[in-house]
Every structure is written in structure tokens, then in C-alpha cells.
Amino acid sequence: QLLTAHVSCLRVATTIEQLPLIDAQLAQSHNVLRSYASQHPQHGHSLSPHHRQDLDNFLAQYLIMLCRFKEELQQHVRVDAVEAVMACREIENNLHALTGLSPF
């Protein structure tokens, strides 16, 4: 879930040209997890129940934070996109006013 939430944030803030790079890295994530598990086979079992609960609570809060961050990123992208389109239209209108030619 954390990986999915993290990748969702990356997708919002990444240009279209870079999305295949994210997909390629994500396709390799199972190899990273398998490698980590083989190098640290008892890692998760060495925690006391109290520490395990603390870790679970932290990870749950981190997941919530990533989801909120994605929503905020999406809002910024929407606002920036609208502002960019409006600026382009203003430039087109100014060019049309100066030259009398339509950009299209």
C-alpha cells in the first residue's frame, strides 16, 4: 500500500515522458522485496509486540499522509494547468492584436 501511494504521488508530479521510467522501476520492485527478505529473514519477527504495534501505527499514518499529499499535488497541478492555459490564451490574443493573424 505504501509503495502504491508513493508511486501515485510520483505519477501526479511527473511528466508524461518520465512515466515509463516509473513503470520500469515498479516492475522491478518484487526483485527488491525478494532480495531484502532473503537478506533479513527474521527482521520483522525480532520486534516486540509493542514495537510492532508502534511500527504499524506509524506506517498507517504515513500512508494517510501520502494519500493527502497526492490530493494536494493534484490540486496544484490543476491550478497550474489552468493558469498555464490562461497565459497561453493571453499570449495568443496579444499576438492576434499585434499582427491580426490567428495562431491556428
Protein backbone atom coordinates (compact mmCIF):
# COMPACT_ATOMS: atom_id res chain seq x y z
CA GLN A 1 0.00 0.00 0.00
CA LEU A 2 2.84 2.39 0.82
CA LEU A 3 4.55 1.69 -2.48
CA THR A 4 1.30 2.22 -4.38
CA ALA A 5 0.64 5.51 -2.58
CA HIS A 6 4.20 6.69 -3.19
CA VAL A 7 4.00 5.82 -6.89
CA SER A 8 0.67 7.62 -7.13
CA CYS A 9 2.33 10.77 -5.84
CA LEU A 10 5.15 10.37 -8.33
CA ARG A 11 2.72 9.93 -11.21
CA VAL A 12 0.97 13.21 -10.38
CA ALA A 13 4.20 15.17 -10.29
CA THR A 14 5.96 13.51 -13.24
CA THR A 15 5.90 14.46 -16.88
CA ILE A 16 4.34 12.05 -19.33
CA GLU A 17 7.74 11.27 -20.84
CA GLN A 18 9.04 10.02 -17.49
CA LEU A 19 6.11 7.73 -16.65
CA PRO A 20 7.65 4.70 -18.43
CA LEU A 21 10.69 5.03 -16.15
CA ILE A 22 8.44 4.80 -13.09
CA ASP A 23 6.68 1.77 -14.59
CA ALA A 24 10.01 0.05 -15.30
CA GLN A 25 11.23 0.64 -11.76
CA LEU A 26 7.93 -0.55 -10.34
CA ALA A 27 8.17 -3.73 -12.40
CA GLN A 28 11.45 -4.46 -10.59
CA SER A 29 10.05 -3.83 -7.10
CA HIS A 30 9.31 -7.52 -6.50
CA ASN A 31 13.02 -8.29 -7.01
CA VAL A 32 13.99 -5.67 -4.42
CA LEU A 33 11.48 -7.04 -1.91
CA ARG A 34 12.64 -10.61 -2.50
CA SER A 35 16.28 -9.60 -2.08
CA TYR A 36 15.54 -7.71 1.14
CA ALA A 37 13.53 -10.62 2.55
CA SER A 38 16.32 -13.08 1.81
CA GLN A 39 18.95 -10.85 3.46
CA HIS A 40 16.81 -10.11 6.54
CA PRO A 41 14.65 -13.22 7.05
CA GLN A 42 13.96 -12.59 10.77
CA HIS A 43 13.77 -8.79 10.68
CA GLY A 44 10.01 -8.44 11.21
CA HIS A 45 9.90 -11.17 13.85
CA SER A 46 12.55 -9.57 16.07
CA LEU A 47 10.23 -6.76 17.15
CA SER A 48 8.34 -6.90 20.40
CA PRO A 49 4.54 -6.74 20.10
CA HIS A 50 4.63 -3.17 21.43
CA HIS A 51 7.25 -2.05 18.89
CA ARG A 52 5.44 -3.89 16.12
CA GLN A 53 2.22 -2.03 17.02
CA ASP A 54 4.12 1.28 17.04
CA LEU A 55 5.56 0.50 13.60
CA ASP A 56 2.13 -0.48 12.26
CA ASN A 57 0.65 2.77 13.59
CA PHE A 58 3.46 4.82 12.06
CA LEU A 59 3.07 3.10 8.68
CA ALA A 60 -0.70 3.63 8.74
CA GLN A 61 -0.23 7.34 9.47
CA TYR A 62 2.42 7.58 6.75
CA LEU A 63 0.01 6.01 4.27
CA ILE A 64 -2.66 8.56 5.18
CA MET A 65 -0.12 11.37 4.77
CA LEU A 66 0.89 10.12 1.32
CA CYS A 67 -2.75 9.99 0.21
CA ARG A 68 -3.33 13.56 1.41
CA PHE A 69 -0.12 14.71 -0.27
CA LYS A 70 -1.29 13.19 -3.57
CA GLU A 71 -4.57 15.11 -3.31
CA GLU A 72 -2.68 18.35 -2.68
CA LEU A 73 -0.35 17.67 -5.60
CA GLN A 74 -3.32 17.05 -7.88
CA GLN A 75 -4.87 20.35 -6.80
CA HIS A 76 -1.64 22.24 -7.50
CA VAL A 77 -1.30 20.60 -10.91
CA ARG A 78 -4.89 21.53 -11.79
CA VAL A 79 -4.40 25.15 -10.73
CA ASP A 80 -1.06 25.42 -12.52
CA ALA A 81 -2.53 23.87 -15.68
CA VAL A 82 -5.41 26.34 -15.72
CA GLU A 83 -3.02 29.25 -15.17
CA ALA A 84 -0.77 27.99 -17.98
CA VAL A 85 -3.68 27.69 -20.40
CA MET A 86 -4.89 31.18 -19.49
CA ALA A 87 -1.38 32.59 -20.01
CA CYS A 88 -1.14 30.91 -23.43
CA ARG A 89 -4.51 32.35 -24.44
CA GLU A 90 -3.39 35.79 -23.36
CA ILE A 91 -0.23 35.46 -25.45
CA GLU A 92 -2.28 34.29 -28.45
CA ASN A 93 -4.68 37.20 -28.03
CA ASN A 94 -1.79 39.67 -27.80
CA LEU A 95 -0.18 38.22 -30.93
CA HIS A 96 -3.50 38.40 -32.74
CA ALA A 97 -3.96 42.02 -31.63
CA LEU A 98 -0.47 42.93 -32.82
CA THR A 99 -0.41 41.06 -36.11
CA GLY A 100 -4.03 40.42 -36.96
CA LEU A 101 -3.10 36.77 -37.60
CA SER A 102 -4.68 33.84 -35.88
CA PRO A 103 -2.19 31.37 -34.34
CA PHE A 104 -4.08 28.44 -35.92
